[in-house]
C-alpha atoms as a PDB file:
ATOM      1  CA  UNK A   1     -11.010   7.284  49.657  1.00  0.00           C
ATOM      2  CA  UNK A   2     -12.305   3.710  49.827  1.00  0.00           C
ATOM      3  CA  UNK A   3     -10.102   0.684  49.188  1.00  0.00           C
ATOM      4  CA  UNK A   4     -12.034  -0.117  45.998  1.00  0.00           C
ATOM      5  CA  UNK A   5     -11.524   3.426  44.665  1.00  0.00           C
ATOM      6  CA  UNK A   6      -7.811   3.256  45.459  1.00  0.00           C
ATOM      7  CA  UNK A   7      -7.418  -0.013  43.556  1.00  0.00           C
ATOM      8  CA  UNK A   8      -9.311   1.466  40.643  1.00  0.00           C
ATOM      9  CA  UNK A   9      -7.105   4.555  40.522  1.00  0.00           C
ATOM     10  CA  UNK A  10      -3.855   2.591  40.718  1.00  0.00           C
ATOM     11  CA  UNK A  11      -2.817   0.874  37.458  1.00  0.00           C
ATOM     12  CA  UNK A  12      -2.692  -2.871  37.898  1.00  0.00           C
ATOM     13  CA  UNK A  13       0.546  -4.779  37.492  1.00  0.00           C
ATOM     14  CA  UNK A  14      -1.023  -6.537  34.540  1.00  0.00           C
ATOM     15  CA  UNK A  15      -1.784  -3.230  32.827  1.00  0.00           C
ATOM     16  CA  UNK A  16       1.720  -1.925  33.499  1.00  0.00           C
ATOM     17  CA  UNK A  17       3.206  -5.107  32.061  1.00  0.00           C
ATOM     18  CA  UNK A  18       1.074  -4.721  28.957  1.00  0.00           C
ATOM     19  CA  UNK A  19       2.210  -1.098  28.588  1.00  0.00           C
ATOM     20  CA  UNK A  20       5.839  -2.166  28.907  1.00  0.00           C
ATOM     21  CA  UNK A  21       5.527  -4.829  26.223  1.00  0.00           C
ATOM     22  CA  UNK A  22       3.545  -2.454  24.015  1.00  0.00           C
ATOM     23  CA  UNK A  23       6.316   0.126  24.137  1.00  0.00           C
ATOM     24  CA  UNK A  24       9.366  -2.090  24.047  1.00  0.00           C
ATOM     25  CA  UNK A  25       8.085  -5.385  22.664  1.00  0.00           C
ATOM     26  CA  UNK A  26       9.675  -4.771  19.259  1.00  0.00           C
ATOM     27  CA  UNK A  27      13.150  -4.280  20.688  1.00  0.00           C
ATOM     28  CA  UNK A  28      12.692  -7.277  22.970  1.00  0.00           C
ATOM     29  CA  UNK A  29      11.620  -9.273  19.917  1.00  0.00           C
ATOM     30  CA  UNK A  30      14.835  -8.351  18.096  1.00  0.00           C
ATOM     31  CA  UNK A  31      16.929  -9.357  21.112  1.00  0.00           C
ATOM     32  CA  UNK A  32      14.986 -12.608  21.552  1.00  0.00           C
ATOM     33  CA  UNK A  33      15.292 -13.540  17.869  1.00  0.00           C
ATOM     34  CA  UNK A  34      19.031 -12.828  17.818  1.00  0.00           C
ATOM     35  CA  UNK A  35      19.508 -14.906  20.974  1.00  0.00           C
ATOM     36  CA  UNK A  36      17.342 -17.751  19.658  1.00  0.00           C
ATOM     37  CA  UNK A  37      19.058 -17.985  16.283  1.00  0.00           C
ATOM     38  CA  UNK A  38      22.461 -17.447  17.897  1.00  0.00           C
ATOM     39  CA  UNK A  39      21.884 -20.522  20.053  1.00  0.00           C
ATOM     40  CA  UNK A  40      20.335 -22.587  17.270  1.00  0.00           C
ATOM     41  CA  UNK A  41      22.995 -21.796  14.652  1.00  0.00           C
ATOM     42  CA  UNK A  42      26.747 -21.517  15.213  1.00  0.00           C
ATOM     43  CA  UNK A  43      27.222 -19.084  12.329  1.00  0.00           C
ATOM     44  CA  UNK A  44      24.338 -16.687  12.975  1.00  0.00           C
ATOM     45  CA  UNK A  45      26.323 -14.298  15.203  1.00  0.00           C
ATOM     46  CA  UNK A  46      29.327 -14.331  12.892  1.00  0.00           C
ATOM     47  CA  UNK A  47      30.214 -10.691  12.018  1.00  0.00           C
ATOM     48  CA  UNK A  48      30.014 -11.451   8.310  1.00  0.00           C
ATOM     49  CA  UNK A  49      26.465 -12.745   8.764  1.00  0.00           C
ATOM     50  CA  UNK A  50      25.440  -9.659  10.743  1.00  0.00           C
ATOM     51  CA  UNK A  51      26.802  -7.500   7.928  1.00  0.00           C
ATOM     52  CA  UNK A  52      24.879  -9.623   5.454  1.00  0.00           C
ATOM     53  CA  UNK A  53      21.647  -9.006   7.395  1.00  0.00           C
ATOM     54  CA  UNK A  54      22.236  -5.248   7.413  1.00  0.00           C
ATOM     55  CA  UNK A  55      22.940  -5.281   3.692  1.00  0.00           C
ATOM     56  CA  UNK A  56      19.826  -7.353   3.011  1.00  0.00           C
ATOM     57  CA  UNK A  57      17.490  -4.990   4.892  1.00  0.00           C
ATOM     58  CA  UNK A  58      18.903  -1.724   3.517  1.00  0.00           C
ATOM     59  CA  UNK A  59      16.772  -1.635   0.374  1.00  0.00           C
ATOM     60  CA  UNK A  60      13.630  -2.775   2.206  1.00  0.00           C
ATOM     61  CA  UNK A  61      14.159  -0.098   4.866  1.00  0.00           C
ATOM     62  CA  UNK A  62      14.571   2.737   2.362  1.00  0.00           C
ATOM     63  CA  UNK A  63      11.415   1.710   0.492  1.00  0.00           C
ATOM     64  CA  UNK A  64       9.512   1.086   3.736  1.00  0.00           C
ATOM     65  CA  UNK A  65      10.290   4.567   5.046  1.00  0.00           C
ATOM     66  CA  UNK A  66       8.638   5.883   1.898  1.00  0.00           C
ATOM     67  CA  UNK A  67       5.556   3.845   2.789  1.00  0.00           C
ATOM     68  CA  UNK A  68       5.708   5.244   6.340  1.00  0.00           C
ATOM     69  CA  UNK A  69       5.771   8.805   5.020  1.00  0.00           C
ATOM     70  CA  UNK A  70       2.628   8.137   2.974  1.00  0.00           C
ATOM     71  CA  UNK A  71       0.993   6.676   6.092  1.00  0.00           C
ATOM     72  CA  UNK A  72       1.634   9.859   8.082  1.00  0.00           C
ATOM     73  CA  UNK A  73      -0.947  11.736   6.011  1.00  0.00           C
ATOM     74  CA  UNK A  74      -3.462   8.929   6.256  1.00  0.00           C
ATOM     75  CA  UNK A  75      -2.517   7.466   2.876  1.00  0.00           C
ATOM     76  CA  UNK A  76      -1.009   4.210   1.738  1.00  0.00           C
ATOM     77  CA  UNK A  77       1.314   3.805  -1.241  1.00  0.00           C
ATOM     78  CA  UNK A  78       1.175   0.354  -2.834  1.00  0.00           C
ATOM     79  CA  UNK A  79       3.085   1.488  -5.925  1.00  0.00           C
ATOM     80  CA  UNK A  80       6.524   1.592  -4.269  1.00  0.00           C
ATOM     81  CA  UNK A  81       7.522  -1.885  -5.470  1.00  0.00           C
ATOM     82  CA  UNK A  82       6.790  -1.131  -9.116  1.00  0.00           C
ATOM     83  CA  UNK A  83       8.462   2.279  -8.758  1.00  0.00           C
ATOM     84  CA  UNK A  84      11.596   0.516  -7.533  1.00  0.00           C
ATOM     85  CA  UNK A  85      11.386  -1.800 -10.569  1.00  0.00           C
ATOM     86  CA  UNK A  86      11.107   1.217 -12.861  1.00  0.00           C
ATOM     87  CA  UNK A  87      14.111   2.888 -11.220  1.00  0.00           C
ATOM     88  CA  UNK A  88      16.073  -0.355 -11.540  1.00  0.00           C
ATOM     89  CA  UNK A  89      15.388  -0.464 -15.280  1.00  0.00           C
ATOM     90  CA  UNK A  90      15.917   3.260 -15.862  1.00  0.00           C
ATOM     91  CA  UNK A  91      19.265   3.678 -14.156  1.00  0.00           C
ATOM     92  CA  UNK A  92      20.835   0.599 -15.751  1.00  0.00           C
ATOM     93  CA  UNK A  93      19.500   1.551 -19.195  1.00  0.00           C
ATOM     94  CA  UNK A  94      20.968   5.037 -18.882  1.00  0.00           C
ATOM     95  CA  UNK A  95      24.362   3.442 -18.342  1.00  0.00           C
ATOM     96  CA  UNK A  96      24.161   0.586 -20.835  1.00  0.00           C
ATOM     97  CA  UNK A  97      22.046   2.108 -23.604  1.00  0.00           C
ATOM     98  CA  UNK A  98      22.966   5.785 -23.419  1.00  0.00           C
ATOM     99  CA  UNK A  99      26.380   5.971 -21.753  1.00  0.00           C
ATOM    100  CA  UNK A 100      25.459   8.366 -18.930  1.00  0.00           C
ATOM    101  CA  UNK A 101      27.688   8.928 -15.928  1.00  0.00           C
ATOM    102  CA  UNK A 102      26.766   7.957 -12.364  1.00  0.00           C
ATOM    103  CA  UNK A 103      25.469  11.323 -11.156  1.00  0.00           C
ATOM    104  CA  UNK A 104      23.470  12.103 -14.284  1.00  0.00           C
ATOM    105  CA  UNK A 105      21.840   8.677 -14.373  1.00  0.00           C
ATOM    106  CA  UNK A 106      20.830   8.803 -10.701  1.00  0.00           C
ATOM    107  CA  UNK A 107      19.403  12.328 -10.932  1.00  0.00           C
ATOM    108  CA  UNK A 108      17.404  11.566 -14.092  1.00  0.00           C
ATOM    109  CA  UNK A 109      16.074   8.344 -12.574  1.00  0.00           C
ATOM    110  CA  UNK A 110      14.931  10.083  -9.391  1.00  0.00           C
ATOM    111  CA  UNK A 111      13.268  12.867 -11.361  1.00  0.00           C
ATOM    112  CA  UNK A 112      11.347  10.336 -13.450  1.00  0.00           C
ATOM    113  CA  UNK A 113      10.337   8.447 -10.312  1.00  0.00           C
ATOM    114  CA  UNK A 114       9.017  11.719  -8.894  1.00  0.00           C
ATOM    115  CA  UNK A 115       6.539  11.689 -11.780  1.00  0.00           C
ATOM    116  CA  UNK A 116       5.077   8.515 -10.282  1.00  0.00           C
ATOM    117  CA  UNK A 117       4.356  10.494  -7.127  1.00  0.00           C
ATOM    118  CA  UNK A 118       2.641  13.183  -9.189  1.00  0.00           C
ATOM    119  CA  UNK A 119       0.579  10.532 -10.957  1.00  0.00           C
ATOM    120  CA  UNK A 120      -0.512   9.138  -7.579  1.00  0.00           C
ATOM    121  CA  UNK A 121      -1.402  12.641  -6.397  1.00  0.00           C
ATOM    122  CA  UNK A 122      -3.480  13.210  -9.537  1.00  0.00           C
ATOM    123  CA  UNK A 123      -5.460  10.034  -8.867  1.00  0.00           C
ATOM    124  CA  UNK A 124      -5.887  10.709  -5.145  1.00  0.00           C
ATOM    125  CA  UNK A 125      -6.221  14.485  -4.851  1.00  0.00           C
ATOM    126  CA  UNK A 126      -7.737  15.463  -8.187  1.00  0.00           C
ATOM    127  CA  UNK A 127      -9.825  12.406  -9.041  1.00  0.00           C
ATOM    128  CA  UNK A 128     -10.613  11.673  -5.366  1.00  0.00           C
ATOM    129  CA  UNK A 129      -9.843   7.960  -5.671  1.00  0.00           C
ATOM    130  CA  UNK A 130      -9.120   6.329  -2.266  1.00  0.00           C
ATOM    131  CA  UNK A 131      -5.382   6.044  -1.636  1.00  0.00           C
ATOM    132  CA  UNK A 132      -5.172   2.264  -1.592  1.00  0.00           C
ATOM    133  CA  UNK A 133      -7.192   1.817  -4.771  1.00  0.00           C
ATOM    134  CA  UNK A 134      -5.370   4.630  -6.573  1.00  0.00           C
ATOM    135  CA  UNK A 135      -1.914   3.297  -5.785  1.00  0.00           C
ATOM    136  CA  UNK A 136      -3.040  -0.241  -6.616  1.00  0.00           C
ATOM    137  CA  UNK A 137      -3.962   1.008 -10.087  1.00  0.00           C
ATOM    138  CA  UNK A 138      -0.670   2.892 -10.216  1.00  0.00           C
ATOM    139  CA  UNK A 139       1.166  -0.312  -9.267  1.00  0.00           C
ATOM    140  CA  UNK A 140      -0.058  -2.036 -12.416  1.00  0.00           C
ATOM    141  CA  UNK A 141       0.513   0.995 -14.630  1.00  0.00           C
ATOM    142  CA  UNK A 142       4.099   1.584 -13.477  1.00  0.00           C
ATOM    143  CA  UNK A 143       4.885  -2.126 -13.544  1.00  0.00           C
ATOM    144  CA  UNK A 144       3.668  -2.224 -17.141  1.00  0.00           C
ATOM    145  CA  UNK A 145       5.686   0.871 -18.029  1.00  0.00           C
ATOM    146  CA  UNK A 146       8.838  -0.674 -16.551  1.00  0.00           C
ATOM    147  CA  UNK A 147       8.345  -3.950 -18.423  1.00  0.00           C
ATOM    148  CA  UNK A 148       7.514  -2.188 -21.682  1.00  0.00           C
ATOM    149  CA  UNK A 149      10.537   0.077 -21.341  1.00  0.00           C
ATOM    150  CA  UNK A 150      12.839  -2.912 -20.825  1.00  0.00           C
ATOM    151  CA  UNK A 151      11.120  -4.873 -23.620  1.00  0.00           C
ATOM    152  CA  UNK A 152       9.984  -7.431 -21.054  1.00  0.00           C
ATOM    153  CA  UNK A 153      13.513  -8.622 -20.330  1.00  0.00           C
ATOM    154  CA  UNK A 154      16.695  -7.920 -18.416  1.00  0.00           C
ATOM    155  CA  UNK A 155      19.050  -5.024 -19.112  1.00  0.00           C
ATOM    156  CA  UNK A 156      22.721  -5.924 -18.844  1.00  0.00           C
ATOM    157  CA  UNK A 157      26.065  -4.898 -20.219  1.00  0.00           C
ATOM    158  CA  UNK A 158      26.850  -6.203 -23.724  1.00  0.00           C
ATOM    159  CA  UNK A 159      23.206  -7.113 -24.291  1.00  0.00           C
ATOM    160  CA  UNK A 160      21.715  -7.359 -27.760  1.00  0.00           C
ATOM    161  CA  UNK A 161      19.328  -4.478 -28.385  1.00  0.00           C
ATOM    162  CA  UNK A 162      15.973  -4.973 -30.159  1.00  0.00           C
ATOM    163  CA  UNK A 163      17.563  -3.310 -33.191  1.00  0.00           C
ATOM    164  CA  UNK A 164      20.112  -6.133 -33.331  1.00  0.00           C
ATOM    165  CA  UNK A 165      23.024  -3.942 -32.256  1.00  0.00           C
ATOM    166  CA  UNK A 166      25.188  -4.575 -29.216  1.00  0.00           C
ATOM    167  CA  UNK A 167      24.855  -2.283 -26.181  1.00  0.00           C
ATOM    168  CA  UNK A 168      28.181  -0.503 -25.750  1.00  0.00           C
ATOM    169  CA  UNK A 169      27.670   1.325 -22.453  1.00  0.00           C
ATOM    170  CA  UNK A 170      29.136   0.110 -19.160  1.00  0.00           C
ATOM    171  CA  UNK A 171      28.096   0.419 -15.522  1.00  0.00           C
ATOM    172  CA  UNK A 172      30.559   2.735 -13.739  1.00  0.00           C
ATOM    173  CA  UNK A 173      32.592   1.246 -10.906  1.00  0.00           C
ATOM    174  CA  UNK A 174      31.553   4.134  -8.648  1.00  0.00           C
ATOM    175  CA  UNK A 175      27.903   3.184  -9.085  1.00  0.00           C
ATOM    176  CA  UNK A 176      28.633  -0.401  -8.101  1.00  0.00           C
ATOM    177  CA  UNK A 177      29.944   0.801  -4.735  1.00  0.00           C
ATOM    178  CA  UNK A 178      26.524   2.145  -3.715  1.00  0.00           C
ATOM    179  CA  UNK A 179      25.160  -1.347  -3.251  1.00  0.00           C
ATOM    180  CA  UNK A 180      28.104  -2.602  -1.234  1.00  0.00           C
ATOM    181  CA  UNK A 181      28.902  -2.458   2.473  1.00  0.00           C
ATOM    182  CA  UNK A 182      29.384  -0.013   4.099  1.00  0.00           C
ATOM    183  CA  UNK A 183      27.881   2.483   1.627  1.00  0.00           C
ATOM    184  CA  UNK A 184      24.451   0.866   1.368  1.00  0.00           C
ATOM    185  CA  UNK A 185      24.166   0.603   5.168  1.00  0.00           C
ATOM    186  CA  UNK A 186      25.228   4.233   5.603  1.00  0.00           C
ATOM    187  CA  UNK A 187      22.599   5.341   3.076  1.00  0.00           C
ATOM    188  CA  UNK A 188      19.955   3.354   4.964  1.00  0.00           C
ATOM    189  CA  UNK A 189      20.914   4.947   8.294  1.00  0.00           C
ATOM    190  CA  UNK A 190      21.061   8.474   6.838  1.00  0.00           C
ATOM    191  CA  UNK A 191      17.590   8.091   5.282  1.00  0.00           C
ATOM    192  CA  UNK A 192      16.246   6.749   8.580  1.00  0.00           C
ATOM    193  CA  UNK A 193      17.705   9.542  10.717  1.00  0.00           C
ATOM    194  CA  UNK A 194      16.669  12.328   8.335  1.00  0.00           C
ATOM    195  CA  UNK A 195      13.126  10.968   8.048  1.00  0.00           C
ATOM    196  CA  UNK A 196      12.785  10.482  11.805  1.00  0.00           C
ATOM    197  CA  UNK A 197      14.046  13.972  12.599  1.00  0.00           C
ATOM    198  CA  UNK A 198      11.864  15.483   9.893  1.00  0.00           C
ATOM    199  CA  UNK A 199       8.718  13.774  11.109  1.00  0.00           C
ATOM    200  CA  UNK A 200       9.219  14.173  14.856  1.00  0.00           C
ATOM    201  CA  UNK A 201      11.017  17.500  15.286  1.00  0.00           C
ATOM    202  CA  UNK A 202       9.793  19.774  12.498  1.00  0.00           C
ATOM    203  CA  UNK A 203       6.563  21.686  12.064  1.00  0.00           C
ATOM    204  CA  UNK A 204       5.999  20.022   8.711  1.00  0.00           C
ATOM    205  CA  UNK A 205       6.254  16.567  10.270  1.00  0.00           C
ATOM    206  CA  UNK A 206       3.772  17.430  13.004  1.00  0.00           C
ATOM    207  CA  UNK A 207       1.373  18.791  10.402  1.00  0.00           C
ATOM    208  CA  UNK A 208       1.605  15.560   8.419  1.00  0.00           C
ATOM    209  CA  UNK A 209       0.739  13.587  11.549  1.00  0.00           C
ATOM    210  CA  UNK A 210      -2.165  15.959  12.170  1.00  0.00           C
ATOM    211  CA  UNK A 211      -3.490  15.317   8.672  1.00  0.00           C
ATOM    212  CA  UNK A 212      -3.228  11.580   9.210  1.00  0.00           C
ATOM    213  CA  UNK A 213      -5.031  11.847  12.538  1.00  0.00           C
ATOM    214  CA  UNK A 214      -7.938  14.024  11.404  1.00  0.00           C
ATOM    215  CA  UNK A 215      -7.699  15.561   7.926  1.00  0.00           C
ATOM    216  CA  UNK A 216     -10.809  17.716   8.292  1.00  0.00           C
ATOM    217  CA  UNK A 217      -9.675  19.188  11.608  1.00  0.00           C
ATOM    218  CA  UNK A 218      -6.223  19.785  10.107  1.00  0.00           C
ATOM    219  CA  UNK A 219      -7.784  21.605   7.148  1.00  0.00           C
ATOM    220  CA  UNK A 220      -9.975  23.762   9.385  1.00  0.00           C
ATOM    221  CA  UNK A 221      -6.932  24.686  11.485  1.00  0.00           C
ATOM    222  CA  UNK A 222      -5.265  26.166   8.416  1.00  0.00           C
ATOM    223  CA  UNK A 223      -2.969  23.327   7.376  1.00  0.00           C
ATOM    224  CA  UNK A 224      -2.696  22.998   3.600  1.00  0.00           C
ATOM    225  CA  UNK A 225      -3.573  19.330   3.472  1.00  0.00           C
ATOM    226  CA  UNK A 226      -3.277  19.025  -0.305  1.00  0.00           C
ATOM    227  CA  UNK A 227       0.269  20.371  -0.299  1.00  0.00           C
ATOM    228  CA  UNK A 228       1.370  17.896   2.351  1.00  0.00           C
ATOM    229  CA  UNK A 229      -0.260  14.964   0.574  1.00  0.00           C
ATOM    230  CA  UNK A 230       1.618  15.939  -2.576  1.00  0.00           C
ATOM    231  CA  UNK A 231       4.870  16.080  -0.585  1.00  0.00           C
ATOM    232  CA  UNK A 232       4.210  12.721   1.103  1.00  0.00           C
ATOM    233  CA  UNK A 233       3.607  10.840  -2.139  1.00  0.00           C
ATOM    234  CA  UNK A 234       6.528  12.543  -3.854  1.00  0.00           C
ATOM    235  CA  UNK A 235       8.837  11.507  -0.998  1.00  0.00           C
ATOM    236  CA  UNK A 236       7.465   7.950  -1.081  1.00  0.00           C
ATOM    237  CA  UNK A 237       8.172   7.683  -4.816  1.00  0.00           C
ATOM    238  CA  UNK A 238      11.641   9.207  -4.485  1.00  0.00           C
ATOM    239  CA  UNK A 239      12.590   6.758  -1.730  1.00  0.00           C
ATOM    240  CA  UNK A 240      11.194   3.873  -3.758  1.00  0.00           C
ATOM    241  CA  UNK A 241      13.298   5.116  -6.659  1.00  0.00           C
ATOM    242  CA  UNK A 242      16.357   5.278  -4.406  1.00  0.00           C
ATOM    243  CA  UNK A 243      15.638   1.704  -3.335  1.00  0.00           C
ATOM    244  CA  UNK A 244      15.519   0.641  -6.982  1.00  0.00           C
ATOM    245  CA  UNK A 245      18.824   2.400  -7.651  1.00  0.00           C
ATOM    246  CA  UNK A 246      20.475   0.628  -4.720  1.00  0.00           C
ATOM    247  CA  UNK A 247      19.082  -2.662  -6.006  1.00  0.00           C
ATOM    248  CA  UNK A 248      20.534  -1.970  -9.450  1.00  0.00           C
ATOM    249  CA  UNK A 249      23.902  -1.217  -7.903  1.00  0.00           C
ATOM    250  CA  UNK A 250      23.787  -4.362  -5.807  1.00  0.00           C
ATOM    251  CA  UNK A 251      22.930  -6.826  -8.611  1.00  0.00           C
ATOM    252  CA  UNK A 252      24.626  -4.931 -11.446  1.00  0.00           C
ATOM    253  CA  UNK A 253      21.729  -5.308 -13.877  1.00  0.00           C
ATOM    254  CA  UNK A 254      18.017  -4.718 -14.358  1.00  0.00           C
ATOM    255  CA  UNK A 255      15.732  -7.691 -13.852  1.00  0.00           C
ATOM    256  CA  UNK A 256      12.036  -7.945 -14.742  1.00  0.00           C
ATOM    257  CA  UNK A 257       9.885  -6.609 -11.877  1.00  0.00           C
ATOM    258  CA  UNK A 258      12.926  -6.711  -9.580  1.00  0.00           C
ATOM    259  CA  UNK A 259      11.347  -4.332  -7.064  1.00  0.00           C
ATOM    260  CA  UNK A 260       8.044  -6.171  -6.799  1.00  0.00           C
ATOM    261  CA  UNK A 261       9.363  -8.574  -4.190  1.00  0.00           C
ATOM    262  CA  UNK A 262      10.138  -5.700  -1.817  1.00  0.00           C
ATOM    263  CA  UNK A 263       6.567  -4.390  -1.580  1.00  0.00           C
ATOM    264  CA  UNK A 264       5.159  -6.714   1.063  1.00  0.00           C
ATOM    265  CA  UNK A 265       8.284  -6.623   3.247  1.00  0.00           C
ATOM    266  CA  UNK A 266       8.273  -2.808   3.051  1.00  0.00           C
ATOM    267  CA  UNK A 267       4.592  -2.624   3.994  1.00  0.00           C
ATOM    268  CA  UNK A 268       5.142  -5.082   6.848  1.00  0.00           C
ATOM    269  CA  UNK A 269       8.157  -3.150   8.191  1.00  0.00           C
ATOM    270  CA  UNK A 270       6.225   0.136   8.068  1.00  0.00           C
ATOM    271  CA  UNK A 271       3.244  -1.271   9.990  1.00  0.00           C
ATOM    272  CA  UNK A 272       5.359  -3.165  12.508  1.00  0.00           C
ATOM    273  CA  UNK A 273       7.081   0.140  13.239  1.00  0.00           C
ATOM    274  CA  UNK A 274       3.870   1.619  14.646  1.00  0.00           C
ATOM    275  CA  UNK A 275       4.410  -0.050  18.008  1.00  0.00           C
ATOM    276  CA  UNK A 276       7.981   1.135  18.656  1.00  0.00           C
ATOM    277  CA  UNK A 277       8.082   2.938  22.033  1.00  0.00           C
ATOM    278  CA  UNK A 278       4.277   2.938  22.017  1.00  0.00           C
ATOM    279  CA  UNK A 279       4.123   5.626  19.341  1.00  0.00           C
ATOM    280  CA  UNK A 280       1.047   4.181  17.634  1.00  0.00           C
ATOM    281  CA  UNK A 281       1.952   6.056  14.465  1.00  0.00           C
ATOM    282  CA  UNK A 282       4.288   5.634  11.484  1.00  0.00           C
ATOM    283  CA  UNK A 283       7.891   6.497  12.251  1.00  0.00           C
ATOM    284  CA  UNK A 284      11.238   5.878  10.587  1.00  0.00           C
ATOM    285  CA  UNK A 285      13.039   4.315  13.552  1.00  0.00           C
ATOM    286  CA  UNK A 286      10.211   1.857  14.075  1.00  0.00           C
ATOM    287  CA  UNK A 287      10.299   1.018  10.379  1.00  0.00           C
ATOM    288  CA  UNK A 288      14.026   0.286  10.632  1.00  0.00           C
ATOM    289  CA  UNK A 289      13.436  -2.004  13.614  1.00  0.00           C
ATOM    290  CA  UNK A 290      10.597  -3.700  11.722  1.00  0.00           C
ATOM    291  CA  UNK A 291      12.939  -4.322   8.806  1.00  0.00           C
ATOM    292  CA  UNK A 292      15.559  -5.709  11.208  1.00  0.00           C
ATOM    293  CA  UNK A 293      12.989  -8.150  12.611  1.00  0.00           C
ATOM    294  CA  UNK A 294      12.085  -9.351   9.119  1.00  0.00           C
ATOM    295  CA  UNK A 295      15.746  -9.571   8.103  1.00  0.00           C
ATOM    296  CA  UNK A 296      16.745 -11.518  11.199  1.00  0.00           C
ATOM    297  CA  UNK A 297      13.775 -13.842  10.719  1.00  0.00           C
ATOM    298  CA  UNK A 298      14.598 -14.532   7.071  1.00  0.00           C
ATOM    299  CA  UNK A 299      18.310 -15.033   7.712  1.00  0.00           C
ATOM    300  CA  UNK A 300      17.822 -17.193  10.789  1.00  0.00           C
ATOM    301  CA  UNK A 301      15.182 -19.376   9.169  1.00  0.00           C
ATOM    302  CA  UNK A 302      17.441 -19.969   6.167  1.00  0.00           C
ATOM    303  CA  UNK A 303      20.244 -21.039   8.511  1.00  0.00           C
ATOM    304  CA  UNK A 304      17.850 -23.447  10.189  1.00  0.00           C
ATOM    305  CA  UNK A 305      16.949 -24.890   6.753  1.00  0.00           C
ATOM    306  CA  UNK A 306      13.290 -23.828   6.971  1.00  0.00           C
ATOM    307  CA  UNK A 307      11.735 -24.147   3.465  1.00  0.00           C
ATOM    308  CA  UNK A 308      11.517 -20.782   1.720  1.00  0.00           C
ATOM    309  CA  UNK A 309       7.830 -21.291   0.986  1.00  0.00           C
ATOM    310  CA  UNK A 310       7.048 -21.426   4.714  1.00  0.00           C
ATOM    311  CA  UNK A 311       8.786 -18.155   5.598  1.00  0.00           C
ATOM    312  CA  UNK A 312       5.852 -15.963   4.592  1.00  0.00           C
ATOM    313  CA  UNK A 313       3.717 -17.741   7.199  1.00  0.00           C
ATOM    314  CA  UNK A 314       6.037 -16.577   9.966  1.00  0.00           C
ATOM    315  CA  UNK A 315       6.346 -13.063   8.514  1.00  0.00           C
ATOM    316  CA  UNK A 316       2.565 -12.835   8.337  1.00  0.00           C
ATOM    317  CA  UNK A 317       2.183 -13.939  11.934  1.00  0.00           C
ATOM    318  CA  UNK A 318       4.731 -11.347  13.075  1.00  0.00           C
ATOM    319  CA  UNK A 319       2.859  -8.614  11.193  1.00  0.00           C
ATOM    320  CA  UNK A 320      -0.470  -9.785  12.623  1.00  0.00           C
ATOM    321  CA  UNK A 321       0.987  -9.688  16.126  1.00  0.00           C
ATOM    322  CA  UNK A 322       2.356  -6.163  15.683  1.00  0.00           C
ATOM    323  CA  UNK A 323      -0.946  -4.904  14.296  1.00  0.00           C
ATOM    324  CA  UNK A 324      -2.872  -6.603  17.099  1.00  0.00           C
ATOM    325  CA  UNK A 325      -0.784  -4.828  19.748  1.00  0.00           C
ATOM    326  CA  UNK A 326      -1.209  -1.484  17.982  1.00  0.00           C
ATOM    327  CA  UNK A 327      -4.973  -1.686  17.528  1.00  0.00           C
ATOM    328  CA  UNK A 328      -5.756  -3.274  20.898  1.00  0.00           C
ATOM    329  CA  UNK A 329      -4.001  -0.298  22.491  1.00  0.00           C
ATOM    330  CA  UNK A 330      -6.196   2.121  20.530  1.00  0.00           C
ATOM    331  CA  UNK A 331      -9.423   0.599  21.832  1.00  0.00           C
END
């Protein structure tokens, strides 16, 4: 074999370096950010601040994993933020307006949020509307439903009802614990592990990836693509609903469009997760790491007194960088 052929067959050091950063760049980014902010701020590495970061990313991570599940089948759920807002309003209203207990309120809220998934499936599977456009329409519909249900205002204990009466229900103490450390962090980790194992180690997970890769080939191979799309959007809505419930527990009330602010961070975390370990596909562990990156960025920038209105610039650049690495690798 000639010298030129040997050089061609052997991967260059530059290519190997690129592969290394493609696979492990996200984890290196987390380490670099923690080191940078740890040096720049005396309080960043304080255990209480680390706990605060974990608590702050828990809701985003749960919602983002729902987005990741929808991405596995080649879809994209933009309605998760409004679904979280609806869950926030529903669960608090069931306590304050109707006097339900913790378990009953959570179950009813999740069941109603599952209807959002069915509505998305109707638009996408039955009416054949593209996923992004269908869930964009759903975003506005569900957001409107949530605001109409709450009469366009907050839902709190001892509030005055539209009828003029005083709300007599209370939020159970047990429910308030869901949004506190360590419960909220444990819930985040359990959701992440279950989703990762389900997607990577089960037949159903592999079939969902197959549908996302080539839906026509998956259909011709005997995979029931419609059934898996239904499951993906139902799971996305249920996780968005769980995120809204955790938000309600954390703030102890229902605020107007409270879940809307989580949409973009959830989408960003899900897409950043594509590049974890060079997977090039949606995965729960990558989504968690993506949420950690966003949480560390937000927390560290606040400690460095960076204006809040400039933070989205940095988040956008991080997302652009992650997407660039993912799509350059696919070329």
